[in-house]
Amino acid sequence: MIDESKTTVKEDVEQDAELKQKLLQAKKDILEGRIHSTEDVLEMIQQGE
């Protein structure tokens, strides 16, 4: 079951500079054709990236 959030995604991004930076980087990567497989992403998460 998913709990109702007290904030919107927009509010979360505006309040969290690190989250905003990661989302902007992801958007840039997509626009530049740099995509990652699920396997790649899981490995990056395990390595703390």
Protein backbone atom coordinates (compact mmCIF):
# COMPACT_ATOMS: atom_id res chain seq x y z
CA MET A 1 0.00 0.00 0.00
CA ILE A 2 1.29 3.44 -0.91
CA ASP A 3 0.88 6.22 1.65
CA GLU A 4 -0.33 9.62 0.54
CA SER A 5 2.53 12.11 0.33
CA LYS A 6 2.32 15.37 2.22
CA THR A 7 4.31 17.15 -0.47
CA THR A 8 4.29 17.19 -4.25
CA VAL A 9 7.17 16.05 -6.43
CA LYS A 10 7.72 19.69 -7.40
CA GLU A 11 7.98 20.70 -3.74
CA ASP A 12 10.37 17.83 -3.01
CA VAL A 13 12.65 18.82 -5.90
CA GLU A 14 12.59 22.50 -4.92
CA GLN A 15 13.52 21.63 -1.32
CA ASP A 16 16.25 19.09 -2.10
CA ALA A 17 19.20 20.43 -4.10
CA GLU A 18 20.81 16.99 -4.45
CA LEU A 19 17.61 15.45 -5.83
CA LYS A 20 17.23 18.36 -8.25
CA GLN A 21 20.81 17.94 -9.48
CA LYS A 22 20.37 14.19 -10.01
CA LEU A 23 17.17 14.72 -11.97
CA LEU A 24 18.77 17.42 -14.13
CA GLN A 25 21.74 15.12 -14.80
CA ALA A 26 19.40 12.27 -15.74
CA LYS A 27 17.53 14.56 -18.15
CA LYS A 28 20.83 15.66 -19.71
CA ASP A 29 21.98 12.04 -20.05
CA ILE A 30 18.74 11.08 -21.81
CA LEU A 31 18.97 14.03 -24.20
CA GLU A 32 22.57 13.10 -25.03
CA GLY A 33 21.69 9.45 -25.61
CA ARG A 34 23.40 8.11 -22.51
CA ILE A 35 21.10 5.46 -21.15
CA HIS A 36 21.70 2.72 -18.60
CA SER A 37 20.23 -0.74 -18.30
CA THR A 38 18.54 -1.83 -15.09
CA GLU A 39 21.58 -4.00 -14.42
CA ASP A 40 23.90 -0.97 -14.79
CA VAL A 41 21.77 1.11 -12.44
CA LEU A 42 21.64 -1.62 -9.80
CA GLU A 43 25.42 -1.93 -9.95
CA MET A 44 25.83 1.85 -9.59
CA ILE A 45 23.51 1.82 -6.58
CA GLN A 46 25.51 -0.97 -4.95
CA GLN A 47 28.70 1.02 -5.52
CA GLY A 48 27.14 4.12 -3.97
CA GLU A 49 27.07 6.20 -7.15
